[in-house]
N, C-alpha and C. Protein backbone atom coordinates (compact mmCIF):
# COMPACT_ATOMS: atom_id res chain seq x y z
N MET A 1 0.84 -1.14 -0.01
CA MET A 1 0.01 0.00 0.06
C MET A 1 0.93 1.26 0.06
N ASN A 2 2.01 1.06 0.19
CA ASN A 2 3.01 2.39 0.26
C ASN A 2 2.90 3.05 -0.99
N THR A 3 2.96 2.33 -2.09
CA THR A 3 3.11 2.94 -3.39
C THR A 3 1.63 3.79 -3.68
N VAL A 4 0.51 3.11 -3.28
CA VAL A 4 -0.70 3.65 -3.36
C VAL A 4 -0.80 4.93 -2.70
N VAL A 5 -0.41 4.99 -1.45
CA VAL A 5 -0.46 6.24 -0.64
C VAL A 5 0.43 7.42 -1.13
N CYS A 6 1.55 7.00 -1.84
CA CYS A 6 2.59 7.97 -2.35
C CYS A 6 1.86 8.59 -3.53
N GLN A 7 1.22 7.66 -4.38
CA GLN A 7 0.61 8.35 -5.61
C GLN A 7 -0.71 9.04 -5.19
N GLU A 8 -1.29 8.81 -4.25
CA GLU A 8 -2.48 9.67 -3.79
C GLU A 8 -1.94 10.96 -3.26
N LEU A 9 -0.99 10.84 -2.37
CA LEU A 9 -0.24 12.24 -1.92
C LEU A 9 0.18 13.17 -3.13
N GLN A 10 0.82 12.53 -3.95
CA GLN A 10 1.33 13.54 -5.31
C GLN A 10 0.13 14.18 -5.78
N ARG A 11 -1.02 13.48 -5.95
CA ARG A 11 -2.30 14.16 -6.50
C ARG A 11 -2.67 15.07 -5.51
N PHE A 12 -2.89 14.80 -4.46
CA PHE A 12 -3.50 15.66 -3.34
C PHE A 12 -2.41 17.05 -3.30
N ASN A 13 -1.28 16.66 -3.25
CA ASN A 13 -0.24 17.85 -3.29
C ASN A 13 -0.40 18.80 -4.35
N LYS A 14 -0.67 18.33 -5.66
CA LYS A 14 -0.79 18.94 -6.92
C LYS A 14 -1.95 19.82 -6.57
N LEU A 15 -3.00 19.24 -6.11
CA LEU A 15 -4.35 19.99 -6.04
C LEU A 15 -4.26 21.10 -4.81
N THR A 16 -3.64 20.83 -3.73
CA THR A 16 -3.52 21.82 -2.72
C THR A 16 -2.73 22.95 -3.03
N SER A 17 -1.69 22.58 -3.95
CA SER A 17 -0.65 23.55 -4.43
C SER A 17 -1.47 24.67 -5.30
N LYS A 18 -2.57 23.96 -6.27
CA LYS A 18 -3.07 24.81 -7.10
C LYS A 18 -4.11 25.69 -6.55
N VAL A 19 -4.76 25.05 -5.35
CA VAL A 19 -5.67 26.05 -4.51
C VAL A 19 -4.94 27.06 -3.85
N ARG A 20 -3.90 26.77 -3.22
CA ARG A 20 -3.10 27.82 -2.51
C ARG A 20 -2.69 29.00 -3.45
N SER A 21 -1.97 28.63 -4.63
CA SER A 21 -1.57 29.55 -5.36
C SER A 21 -2.52 30.39 -6.01
N SER A 22 -3.52 29.84 -6.41
CA SER A 22 -4.60 30.57 -7.20
C SER A 22 -5.31 31.50 -6.22
N LEU A 23 -5.56 31.03 -4.94
CA LEU A 23 -5.98 32.17 -3.88
C LEU A 23 -5.17 33.24 -3.73
N GLN A 24 -3.83 33.07 -3.54
CA GLN A 24 -2.89 34.11 -3.25
C GLN A 24 -3.08 34.92 -4.50
N GLU A 25 -2.89 34.54 -5.65
CA GLU A 25 -2.93 35.31 -6.87
C GLU A 25 -4.40 36.22 -6.90
N LEU A 26 -5.34 35.68 -6.55
CA LEU A 26 -6.60 36.24 -6.47
C LEU A 26 -6.59 37.50 -5.37
N GLN A 27 -6.07 37.05 -4.14
CA GLN A 27 -5.91 38.27 -3.23
C GLN A 27 -5.15 39.46 -3.72
N LYS A 28 -3.99 39.10 -4.48
CA LYS A 28 -3.04 40.08 -5.07
C LYS A 28 -3.94 40.95 -6.12
N ALA A 29 -4.71 40.24 -6.94
CA ALA A 29 -5.64 40.85 -8.06
C ALA A 29 -6.51 41.87 -7.54
N LEU A 30 -7.28 41.38 -6.28
CA LEU A 30 -8.38 42.16 -5.62
C LEU A 30 -7.56 43.32 -5.09
N LYS A 31 -6.40 43.37 -4.78
CA LYS A 31 -5.76 44.60 -4.00
C LYS A 31 -5.02 45.41 -5.28
N GLY A 32 -5.17 44.75 -6.31
CA GLY A 32 -4.63 45.81 -7.49
C GLY A 32 -3.04 45.61 -7.60
N LEU A 33 -2.49 44.61 -7.18
CA LEU A 33 -1.23 44.19 -7.28
C LEU A 33 -0.81 43.54 -8.42
N VAL A 34 -1.71 42.62 -9.07
CA VAL A 34 -1.49 42.09 -10.38
C VAL A 34 -2.50 42.21 -11.21
N VAL A 35 -2.53 41.89 -12.31
CA VAL A 35 -3.78 41.93 -13.41
C VAL A 35 -4.77 40.83 -13.11
N MET A 36 -6.03 41.34 -13.03
CA MET A 36 -7.00 40.09 -12.92
C MET A 36 -7.17 39.57 -14.18
N SER A 37 -6.65 38.52 -14.44
CA SER A 37 -6.72 37.64 -15.69
C SER A 37 -8.02 36.97 -15.71
N ALA A 38 -8.32 36.32 -16.81
CA ALA A 38 -9.64 35.61 -17.07
C ALA A 38 -9.82 34.58 -16.04
N ASP A 39 -8.83 33.82 -15.91
CA ASP A 39 -8.88 32.58 -14.99
C ASP A 39 -9.15 33.00 -13.60
N LEU A 40 -8.49 34.15 -13.08
CA LEU A 40 -8.62 34.63 -11.79
C LEU A 40 -10.21 35.20 -11.71
N GLU A 41 -10.64 35.76 -12.68
CA GLU A 41 -12.15 36.38 -12.71
C GLU A 41 -13.00 35.10 -12.50
N ALA A 42 -12.76 34.16 -13.33
CA ALA A 42 -13.65 32.76 -13.32
C ALA A 42 -13.62 32.38 -11.91
N LEU A 43 -12.38 32.22 -11.33
CA LEU A 43 -12.23 31.76 -9.88
C LEU A 43 -13.09 32.61 -8.89
N TYR A 44 -13.05 33.93 -9.15
CA TYR A 44 -13.71 34.75 -8.33
C TYR A 44 -15.31 34.49 -8.32
N HIS A 45 -15.91 34.38 -9.76
CA HIS A 45 -17.20 34.19 -9.81
C HIS A 45 -17.64 32.70 -9.23
N SER A 46 -16.83 31.85 -9.46
CA SER A 46 -17.11 30.45 -9.03
C SER A 46 -17.24 30.54 -7.59
N MET A 47 -16.34 31.14 -6.79
CA MET A 47 -16.43 31.23 -5.39
C MET A 47 -17.63 31.85 -4.87
N PHE A 48 -18.08 33.05 -5.63
CA PHE A 48 -19.16 33.84 -5.27
C PHE A 48 -20.50 32.97 -5.43
N ASP A 49 -20.44 32.05 -6.60
CA ASP A 49 -21.56 31.21 -6.87
C ASP A 49 -21.69 29.98 -6.08
N ASN A 50 -20.63 29.72 -5.15
CA ASN A 50 -20.39 28.31 -4.60
C ASN A 50 -20.24 27.09 -5.40
N LYS A 51 -19.51 27.39 -6.56
CA LYS A 51 -19.13 26.34 -7.51
C LYS A 51 -17.64 25.99 -7.49
N LEU A 52 -17.44 24.70 -7.67
CA LEU A 52 -15.97 24.29 -7.84
C LEU A 52 -15.49 25.17 -9.16
N PRO A 53 -14.21 25.86 -8.76
CA PRO A 53 -13.65 26.46 -9.90
C PRO A 53 -13.04 25.59 -10.92
N ALA A 54 -13.21 26.00 -12.21
CA ALA A 54 -12.64 25.14 -13.11
C ALA A 54 -11.24 24.77 -13.10
N MET A 55 -10.44 25.78 -12.62
CA MET A 55 -8.82 25.70 -12.47
C MET A 55 -8.71 24.50 -11.51
N TRP A 56 -9.36 24.45 -10.34
CA TRP A 56 -9.27 23.37 -9.50
C TRP A 56 -9.86 22.12 -9.97
N ALA A 57 -10.84 22.08 -10.64
CA ALA A 57 -11.53 20.79 -11.15
C ALA A 57 -10.57 19.88 -12.04
N LYS A 58 -9.61 20.85 -12.81
CA LYS A 58 -8.78 20.13 -13.62
C LYS A 58 -7.69 19.16 -12.96
N VAL A 59 -7.38 19.52 -11.87
CA VAL A 59 -6.46 18.68 -10.96
C VAL A 59 -7.16 18.05 -9.82
N SER A 60 -8.38 18.01 -9.78
CA SER A 60 -9.07 17.41 -8.49
C SER A 60 -9.71 16.18 -8.87
N TYR A 61 -10.24 15.47 -7.87
CA TYR A 61 -10.92 14.21 -7.97
C TYR A 61 -12.43 14.62 -8.40
N PRO A 62 -13.03 13.66 -8.95
CA PRO A 62 -14.28 14.06 -9.46
C PRO A 62 -15.36 14.37 -8.31
N SER A 63 -15.99 15.48 -8.55
CA SER A 63 -16.90 15.97 -7.43
C SER A 63 -17.95 16.70 -8.12
N LEU A 64 -19.32 16.45 -7.56
CA LEU A 64 -20.44 17.32 -8.10
C LEU A 64 -20.98 18.06 -6.85
N LYS A 65 -20.24 18.36 -6.00
CA LYS A 65 -20.65 19.08 -4.62
C LYS A 65 -20.50 20.54 -4.89
N PRO A 66 -21.28 21.35 -4.11
CA PRO A 66 -21.02 22.86 -4.18
C PRO A 66 -19.57 23.27 -3.50
N LEU A 67 -19.11 24.32 -3.63
CA LEU A 67 -17.91 24.64 -3.27
C LEU A 67 -17.63 24.35 -1.77
N ALA A 68 -18.57 24.83 -0.90
CA ALA A 68 -18.54 24.67 0.55
C ALA A 68 -18.38 23.16 1.02
N SER A 69 -19.07 22.36 0.30
CA SER A 69 -19.09 20.90 0.75
C SER A 69 -17.85 20.40 0.25
N TYR A 70 -17.39 20.89 -0.96
CA TYR A 70 -16.24 20.28 -1.57
C TYR A 70 -15.03 20.56 -0.58
N VAL A 71 -14.89 21.81 -0.19
CA VAL A 71 -13.77 22.15 0.68
C VAL A 71 -13.89 21.22 1.96
N SER A 72 -15.14 21.23 2.62
CA SER A 72 -15.19 20.17 3.82
C SER A 72 -14.83 18.83 3.58
N GLU A 73 -14.99 18.37 2.41
CA GLU A 73 -14.73 16.96 2.10
C GLU A 73 -13.27 16.82 1.81
N LEU A 74 -12.81 17.92 1.26
CA LEU A 74 -11.21 17.76 0.80
C LEU A 74 -10.51 17.78 2.25
N LEU A 75 -10.92 18.58 3.21
CA LEU A 75 -10.07 18.41 4.39
C LEU A 75 -10.21 17.32 5.08
N GLU A 76 -11.55 16.63 5.04
CA GLU A 76 -11.59 15.12 5.54
C GLU A 76 -10.55 14.20 4.94
N ARG A 77 -10.38 14.38 3.52
CA ARG A 77 -9.56 13.45 2.79
C ARG A 77 -8.03 13.74 3.41
N LEU A 78 -7.90 15.05 3.34
CA LEU A 78 -6.52 15.20 3.76
C LEU A 78 -6.16 14.69 5.13
N LEU A 79 -7.13 14.90 6.15
CA LEU A 79 -6.90 14.41 7.39
C LEU A 79 -6.69 12.82 7.48
N PHE A 80 -7.55 12.18 6.63
CA PHE A 80 -7.46 10.75 6.34
C PHE A 80 -6.03 10.24 6.17
N PHE A 81 -5.36 11.01 5.15
CA PHE A 81 -4.11 10.57 4.64
C PHE A 81 -2.92 10.96 5.64
N GLN A 82 -3.14 12.01 6.21
CA GLN A 82 -2.13 12.62 7.27
C GLN A 82 -2.31 11.51 8.36
N THR A 83 -3.29 11.19 8.93
CA THR A 83 -3.49 10.11 9.90
C THR A 83 -2.80 8.76 9.37
N TRP A 84 -2.89 8.43 8.05
CA TRP A 84 -2.28 7.21 7.45
C TRP A 84 -0.95 7.49 7.66
N LEU A 85 -0.26 8.60 7.32
CA LEU A 85 1.11 8.82 7.35
C LEU A 85 1.82 9.03 8.89
N ASP A 86 0.89 9.41 9.90
CA ASP A 86 1.45 9.55 11.13
C ASP A 86 1.29 8.10 12.00
N LEU A 87 0.17 7.57 11.81
CA LEU A 87 -0.09 6.24 12.54
C LEU A 87 0.11 5.01 11.75
N GLY A 88 0.38 5.03 10.43
CA GLY A 88 0.35 3.86 9.79
C GLY A 88 -0.90 3.66 9.26
N GLN A 89 -1.12 2.27 8.53
CA GLN A 89 -2.20 1.93 7.59
C GLN A 89 -3.60 2.00 8.47
N PRO A 90 -4.65 2.53 7.99
CA PRO A 90 -5.72 2.60 8.72
C PRO A 90 -6.39 1.33 8.93
N LEU A 91 -7.23 1.10 9.95
CA LEU A 91 -8.02 -0.17 10.13
C LEU A 91 -9.09 -0.22 8.92
N VAL A 92 -9.90 0.82 8.91
CA VAL A 92 -10.83 0.90 7.76
C VAL A 92 -10.43 1.98 6.74
N TYR A 93 -10.59 1.58 5.60
CA TYR A 93 -10.08 2.42 4.41
C TYR A 93 -11.32 3.21 3.86
N GLN A 94 -11.40 4.60 3.79
CA GLN A 94 -12.50 5.28 3.20
C GLN A 94 -12.32 5.36 1.78
N MET A 95 -13.22 4.41 0.95
CA MET A 95 -12.96 4.20 -0.40
C MET A 95 -13.10 5.66 -1.17
N PRO A 96 -14.23 6.26 -0.93
CA PRO A 96 -14.44 7.73 -1.63
C PRO A 96 -13.26 8.73 -1.42
N PHE A 97 -12.38 8.44 -0.53
CA PHE A 97 -11.28 9.42 -0.25
C PHE A 97 -10.17 9.30 -1.36
N PHE A 98 -10.18 8.21 -2.08
CA PHE A 98 -9.07 8.06 -2.94
C PHE A 98 -9.20 8.67 -4.27
N PHE A 99 -8.22 9.39 -4.82
CA PHE A 99 -8.27 9.87 -6.16
C PHE A 99 -8.65 8.71 -7.26
N PHE A 100 -7.65 7.61 -7.02
CA PHE A 100 -7.89 6.51 -8.00
C PHE A 100 -8.12 5.30 -7.12
N VAL A 101 -9.25 4.98 -6.94
CA VAL A 101 -9.62 3.91 -6.08
C VAL A 101 -9.25 2.48 -6.68
N GLN A 102 -9.04 2.32 -8.13
CA GLN A 102 -8.67 1.13 -8.69
C GLN A 102 -7.35 0.78 -8.16
N ALA A 103 -6.40 1.87 -8.03
CA ALA A 103 -5.08 1.38 -7.71
C ALA A 103 -5.18 0.83 -6.29
N PHE A 104 -5.98 1.36 -5.34
CA PHE A 104 -5.99 0.75 -4.04
C PHE A 104 -6.50 -0.68 -4.05
N MET A 105 -7.54 -0.96 -4.80
CA MET A 105 -8.00 -2.30 -4.89
C MET A 105 -6.97 -3.12 -5.63
N THR A 106 -6.33 -2.77 -6.54
CA THR A 106 -5.13 -3.54 -7.06
C THR A 106 -3.94 -3.79 -6.16
N GLY A 107 -3.61 -2.82 -5.30
CA GLY A 107 -2.80 -3.01 -4.21
C GLY A 107 -3.20 -4.14 -3.26
N ALA A 108 -4.55 -4.14 -2.92
CA ALA A 108 -4.86 -5.20 -2.09
C ALA A 108 -4.66 -6.56 -2.57
N LEU A 109 -5.09 -6.55 -3.94
CA LEU A 109 -4.88 -7.96 -4.56
C LEU A 109 -3.38 -8.25 -4.68
N GLN A 110 -2.57 -7.37 -4.93
CA GLN A 110 -1.12 -7.60 -4.94
C GLN A 110 -0.52 -8.10 -3.52
N ASN A 111 -1.04 -7.42 -2.48
CA ASN A 111 -0.65 -8.01 -1.12
C ASN A 111 -0.98 -9.52 -0.97
N TYR A 112 -2.13 -9.81 -1.44
CA TYR A 112 -2.62 -11.21 -1.11
C TYR A 112 -1.72 -12.10 -2.04
N ALA A 113 -1.59 -11.76 -3.40
CA ALA A 113 -0.94 -12.59 -4.36
C ALA A 113 0.43 -12.69 -3.79
N ARG A 114 1.31 -11.73 -3.22
CA ARG A 114 2.54 -11.92 -2.73
C ARG A 114 2.65 -12.83 -1.41
N LYS A 115 1.65 -12.67 -0.55
CA LYS A 115 1.62 -13.45 0.62
C LYS A 115 1.45 -14.92 0.25
N TYR A 116 0.78 -15.22 -0.61
CA TYR A 116 0.39 -16.71 -0.90
C TYR A 116 1.16 -17.12 -2.12
N SER A 117 1.98 -16.42 -2.74
CA SER A 117 2.76 -16.70 -3.97
C SER A 117 1.96 -17.26 -5.03
N VAL A 118 0.85 -16.40 -5.40
CA VAL A 118 0.02 -16.95 -6.56
C VAL A 118 0.01 -15.88 -7.50
N PRO A 119 -0.36 -16.11 -8.64
CA PRO A 119 -0.42 -15.00 -9.84
C PRO A 119 -1.55 -14.22 -9.51
N ILE A 120 -1.40 -12.92 -9.72
CA ILE A 120 -2.39 -11.89 -9.35
C ILE A 120 -3.70 -12.00 -10.43
N ASP A 121 -3.37 -12.63 -11.44
CA ASP A 121 -4.52 -12.65 -12.42
C ASP A 121 -5.31 -14.02 -12.11
N THR A 122 -5.08 -14.70 -11.10
CA THR A 122 -5.89 -15.66 -10.60
C THR A 122 -6.72 -15.15 -9.24
N VAL A 123 -6.56 -14.03 -9.03
CA VAL A 123 -7.03 -13.47 -7.45
C VAL A 123 -8.23 -12.49 -8.00
N ASP A 124 -9.21 -12.78 -7.14
CA ASP A 124 -10.41 -11.76 -7.45
C ASP A 124 -10.98 -11.42 -6.01
N PHE A 125 -12.04 -10.70 -5.94
CA PHE A 125 -12.50 -10.30 -4.70
C PHE A 125 -13.90 -10.85 -4.13
N ASP A 126 -14.12 -11.24 -2.98
CA ASP A 126 -15.21 -11.55 -2.31
C ASP A 126 -15.55 -10.61 -1.45
N PHE A 127 -16.93 -10.39 -0.97
CA PHE A 127 -17.25 -9.19 -0.15
C PHE A 127 -18.12 -9.81 0.89
N GLY A 128 -17.91 -9.19 1.98
CA GLY A 128 -18.83 -9.38 3.30
C GLY A 128 -19.18 -8.09 3.97
N PHE A 129 -20.36 -8.12 4.58
CA PHE A 129 -20.77 -6.81 5.33
C PHE A 129 -20.89 -7.11 6.61
N GLN A 130 -20.66 -6.03 7.36
CA GLN A 130 -21.00 -6.07 8.95
C GLN A 130 -21.44 -4.73 9.48
N TRP A 131 -22.33 -4.64 10.50
CA TRP A 131 -22.62 -3.43 10.86
C TRP A 131 -21.57 -3.05 11.96
N GLU A 132 -20.93 -3.83 12.59
CA GLU A 132 -20.04 -3.43 13.85
C GLU A 132 -18.77 -2.90 13.20
N GLU A 133 -18.30 -1.83 14.02
CA GLU A 133 -17.11 -1.37 13.61
C GLU A 133 -15.91 -2.35 13.93
N PRO A 134 -14.97 -2.73 13.10
CA PRO A 134 -13.98 -3.59 13.30
C PRO A 134 -13.03 -3.16 14.37
N LYS A 135 -12.61 -3.93 15.20
CA LYS A 135 -11.53 -3.72 16.19
C LYS A 135 -10.11 -4.11 15.77
N SER A 136 -9.98 -5.01 14.72
CA SER A 136 -8.65 -5.46 14.40
C SER A 136 -8.51 -5.67 12.81
N LYS A 137 -7.32 -5.76 12.43
CA LYS A 137 -7.20 -5.85 10.83
C LYS A 137 -7.67 -7.35 10.58
N PRO A 138 -8.29 -7.50 9.39
CA PRO A 138 -8.39 -8.91 8.95
C PRO A 138 -7.10 -9.68 8.61
N GLU A 139 -7.21 -10.83 8.78
CA GLU A 139 -6.14 -11.87 8.39
C GLU A 139 -5.63 -11.55 6.98
N ASP A 140 -6.72 -11.58 6.09
CA ASP A 140 -6.68 -11.40 4.62
C ASP A 140 -7.61 -10.38 4.27
N GLY A 141 -7.15 -9.44 3.40
CA GLY A 141 -8.29 -8.45 2.95
C GLY A 141 -8.07 -7.21 3.65
N VAL A 142 -9.02 -6.27 3.43
CA VAL A 142 -9.20 -5.01 3.98
C VAL A 142 -10.62 -4.56 4.28
N TYR A 143 -10.67 -3.72 5.17
CA TYR A 143 -11.97 -3.13 5.61
C TYR A 143 -12.23 -1.76 4.88
N THR A 144 -13.47 -1.71 4.30
CA THR A 144 -13.52 -0.33 3.59
C THR A 144 -14.89 0.28 4.19
N ALA A 145 -15.10 1.59 3.92
CA ALA A 145 -16.38 2.42 4.38
C ALA A 145 -16.49 3.52 3.36
N GLY A 146 -17.68 4.03 3.48
CA GLY A 146 -17.94 5.27 2.69
C GLY A 146 -18.82 4.99 1.49
N LEU A 147 -19.32 3.73 1.12
CA LEU A 147 -20.25 3.44 0.00
C LEU A 147 -21.56 3.76 0.38
N PHE A 148 -22.39 4.25 -0.83
CA PHE A 148 -23.74 4.38 -0.53
C PHE A 148 -24.50 3.76 -1.63
N VAL A 149 -25.73 3.45 -1.38
CA VAL A 149 -26.54 2.74 -2.38
C VAL A 149 -27.82 3.75 -2.66
N GLU A 150 -28.15 3.80 -3.87
CA GLU A 150 -29.30 4.64 -4.28
C GLU A 150 -30.47 3.63 -4.91
N GLY A 151 -31.58 4.07 -4.31
CA GLY A 151 -32.85 3.22 -4.63
C GLY A 151 -32.99 2.00 -3.73
N ALA A 152 -32.28 1.81 -2.81
CA ALA A 152 -32.52 0.63 -2.02
C ALA A 152 -31.76 0.99 -0.59
N CYS A 153 -31.73 0.10 0.27
CA CYS A 153 -31.03 0.20 1.40
C CYS A 153 -30.67 -1.23 1.93
N MET A 154 -29.62 -1.18 2.93
CA MET A 154 -29.21 -2.48 3.55
C MET A 154 -29.87 -2.63 4.70
N GLY A 155 -30.69 -3.85 4.80
CA GLY A 155 -31.50 -4.03 6.03
C GLY A 155 -30.59 -4.59 7.16
N GLU A 156 -31.18 -4.82 8.35
CA GLU A 156 -30.59 -5.38 9.51
C GLU A 156 -29.89 -6.66 9.31
N SER A 157 -30.65 -7.58 8.34
CA SER A 157 -29.92 -8.79 7.91
C SER A 157 -28.85 -8.87 6.98
N LEU A 158 -28.49 -7.60 6.65
CA LEU A 158 -27.44 -7.36 5.62
C LEU A 158 -27.91 -7.86 4.23
N MET A 159 -29.14 -7.60 4.06
CA MET A 159 -29.68 -7.99 2.65
C MET A 159 -30.20 -6.56 2.13
N LEU A 160 -30.11 -6.44 0.90
CA LEU A 160 -30.63 -5.19 0.25
C LEU A 160 -32.28 -5.31 0.21
N GLU A 161 -32.81 -4.12 0.82
CA GLU A 161 -34.30 -3.97 0.91
C GLU A 161 -34.75 -2.64 0.11
N GLU A 162 -36.14 -2.45 -0.06
CA GLU A 162 -36.59 -1.31 -0.54
C GLU A 162 -36.20 0.09 0.29
N SER A 163 -35.93 0.98 -0.35
CA SER A 163 -35.37 2.07 0.12
C SER A 163 -36.57 2.75 1.24
N LYS A 164 -36.06 3.55 2.32
CA LYS A 164 -36.98 4.00 3.18
C LYS A 164 -37.69 5.27 2.63
N PRO A 165 -38.92 5.70 2.96
CA PRO A 165 -39.46 6.84 2.33
C PRO A 165 -38.76 8.13 2.43
N LYS A 166 -38.73 8.77 1.33
CA LYS A 166 -37.92 10.04 1.27
C LYS A 166 -36.37 9.89 1.55
N ALA A 167 -35.91 8.72 1.35
CA ALA A 167 -34.51 8.47 1.47
C ALA A 167 -33.97 8.19 0.08
N ARG A 168 -33.14 9.27 -0.42
CA ARG A 168 -32.59 8.98 -1.86
C ARG A 168 -31.42 7.94 -1.87
N SER A 169 -30.51 8.09 -0.89
CA SER A 169 -29.30 7.20 -0.68
C SER A 169 -29.08 7.05 0.73
N ARG A 170 -28.27 6.00 1.08
CA ARG A 170 -28.06 5.75 2.51
C ARG A 170 -26.63 5.05 2.53
N ARG A 171 -25.87 5.51 3.55
CA ARG A 171 -24.38 4.94 3.88
C ARG A 171 -24.85 3.56 4.22
N GLN A 172 -23.63 2.80 3.69
CA GLN A 172 -23.83 1.29 3.86
C GLN A 172 -22.96 0.78 5.02
N PRO A 173 -23.19 -0.34 5.52
CA PRO A 173 -22.27 -1.00 6.57
C PRO A 173 -20.88 -1.35 6.16
N CYS A 174 -19.94 -1.31 6.88
CA CYS A 174 -18.52 -1.60 6.65
C CYS A 174 -18.45 -2.83 5.75
N PRO A 175 -17.95 -2.93 4.63
CA PRO A 175 -17.71 -4.22 3.94
C PRO A 175 -16.29 -4.70 4.15
N ALA A 176 -16.12 -5.70 4.23
CA ALA A 176 -14.82 -6.47 4.28
C ALA A 176 -14.54 -6.99 2.95
N ILE A 177 -13.33 -6.58 2.21
CA ILE A 177 -13.16 -7.29 1.03
C ILE A 177 -12.08 -8.16 1.25
N GLU A 178 -12.48 -9.48 0.97
CA GLU A 178 -11.57 -10.49 1.24
C GLU A 178 -10.97 -11.09 -0.02
N ARG A 179 -9.67 -11.13 -0.15
CA ARG A 179 -9.02 -11.53 -1.31
C ARG A 179 -8.86 -13.01 -1.32
N GLY A 180 -9.43 -13.72 -2.29
CA GLY A 180 -9.45 -15.12 -2.49
C GLY A 180 -9.33 -15.63 -3.97
N ILE A 181 -8.51 -16.73 -4.21
CA ILE A 181 -8.25 -17.00 -5.63
C ILE A 181 -9.50 -17.74 -6.18
N ARG A 182 -10.49 -18.04 -5.49
CA ARG A 182 -11.73 -18.74 -5.94
C ARG A 182 -12.92 -17.84 -5.74
N ALA A 183 -12.84 -16.50 -5.36
CA ALA A 183 -13.66 -15.56 -5.14
C ALA A 183 -14.74 -15.43 -6.40
N LEU A 184 -14.26 -15.17 -7.43
CA LEU A 184 -15.18 -15.07 -8.70
C LEU A 184 -15.66 -16.37 -9.10
N GLN A 185 -15.09 -17.50 -9.03
CA GLN A 185 -15.65 -18.63 -9.25
C GLN A 185 -16.88 -18.93 -8.24
N VAL A 186 -16.65 -18.75 -6.91
CA VAL A 186 -17.66 -19.17 -6.01
C VAL A 186 -18.89 -18.15 -6.35
N CYS A 187 -18.74 -16.88 -6.82
CA CYS A 187 -19.79 -15.94 -7.02
C CYS A 187 -20.43 -16.42 -8.17
N LEU A 188 -19.97 -17.01 -9.18
CA LEU A 188 -20.39 -17.57 -10.45
C LEU A 188 -21.36 -18.72 -10.19
N GLU A 189 -20.74 -19.68 -9.25
CA GLU A 189 -21.46 -20.81 -8.85
C GLU A 189 -22.79 -20.54 -8.17
N VAL A 190 -22.89 -19.51 -7.32
CA VAL A 190 -24.00 -19.39 -6.57
C VAL A 190 -24.90 -18.38 -7.11
N GLY A 191 -24.36 -17.94 -8.12
CA GLY A 191 -25.33 -16.97 -9.04
C GLY A 191 -25.32 -15.60 -8.40
N VAL A 192 -24.32 -15.23 -7.68
CA VAL A 192 -24.37 -13.81 -6.89
C VAL A 192 -23.73 -12.83 -8.09
N PHE A 193 -22.79 -13.21 -8.79
CA PHE A 193 -22.12 -12.21 -9.52
C PHE A 193 -23.03 -11.68 -10.75
N ASP A 194 -23.04 -10.37 -10.66
CA ASP A 194 -24.02 -9.84 -11.61
C ASP A 194 -23.18 -8.41 -12.30
N PRO A 195 -22.86 -8.75 -13.63
CA PRO A 195 -22.00 -7.73 -14.18
C PRO A 195 -22.90 -6.23 -14.35
N SER A 196 -24.24 -6.46 -14.41
CA SER A 196 -25.00 -5.28 -14.50
C SER A 196 -25.24 -4.44 -13.33
N CYS A 197 -24.74 -4.93 -12.23
CA CYS A 197 -24.58 -4.37 -10.81
C CYS A 197 -23.32 -3.46 -10.71
N CYS A 198 -23.44 -2.20 -11.10
CA CYS A 198 -22.11 -1.43 -11.14
C CYS A 198 -21.85 -0.50 -10.18
N LEU A 199 -20.81 -0.12 -9.80
CA LEU A 199 -20.47 0.82 -8.76
C LEU A 199 -19.78 2.14 -9.44
N PHE A 200 -20.32 3.30 -9.14
CA PHE A 200 -19.88 4.54 -9.85
C PHE A 200 -19.21 5.51 -8.78
N GLN A 201 -18.35 6.25 -9.17
CA GLN A 201 -17.70 7.19 -8.22
C GLN A 201 -18.59 8.38 -8.10
N LEU A 202 -19.49 8.86 -8.94
CA LEU A 202 -20.34 10.00 -8.84
C LEU A 202 -21.89 9.67 -8.68
N ASP A 203 -22.53 10.68 -7.89
CA ASP A 203 -23.98 10.34 -7.80
C ASP A 203 -24.82 10.80 -9.02
N GLU A 204 -24.20 10.79 -10.11
CA GLU A 204 -24.88 11.19 -11.38
C GLU A 204 -24.38 10.19 -12.47
N PHE A 205 -25.13 9.50 -13.07
CA PHE A 205 -24.91 8.67 -14.17
C PHE A 205 -25.97 8.70 -15.23
N VAL A 206 -25.32 8.91 -16.45
CA VAL A 206 -26.15 8.74 -17.76
C VAL A 206 -25.76 7.69 -18.52
N PRO A 207 -26.84 6.65 -18.57
CA PRO A 207 -26.59 5.37 -19.45
C PRO A 207 -26.16 5.73 -20.95
N SER A 208 -25.30 5.01 -21.29
CA SER A 208 -24.80 5.22 -22.74
C SER A 208 -25.80 4.60 -23.74
């Protein structure tokens, strides 16, 4: 996971550097110390309208949130990775906090493949859910959190149920991703694996 966190920190450093430098330039422009460029004017209007500035979006993770919520989430993401650096790998990984979550999942597969000396292309994921907060790391796999489901909800029996009235989406219980070389095979045998059940990074999806 060291490679994963280093790559993530490079992306966040690039984002925070862009935020800091653009805000500093905007302050100078408002004081008349530098020329108000088109980019700085667009930044000013985006902040006034509570929208994510275009110059930040170019180096940012995907987000549909207004600017105030975006900044709050950015601080949460930075705190998550700072805690990772200070205290070591977290017990529960917040999947929405990654720029490139596919790299995190590939890293989980690689850890398993190296531990048991098996080819990584023979390894796939199996999933389990639990309501209780885990107290220790799993022997194999990782604990994740932060996923939402739309149009349904997870019942007390950890099975999908009809969504609650007026509830568009709901945070899901902590899933444990277990790495196993027979995971995909088992899912196919019991008829659980369904390629039409997709996971998206944004809460807005337009079918092609």
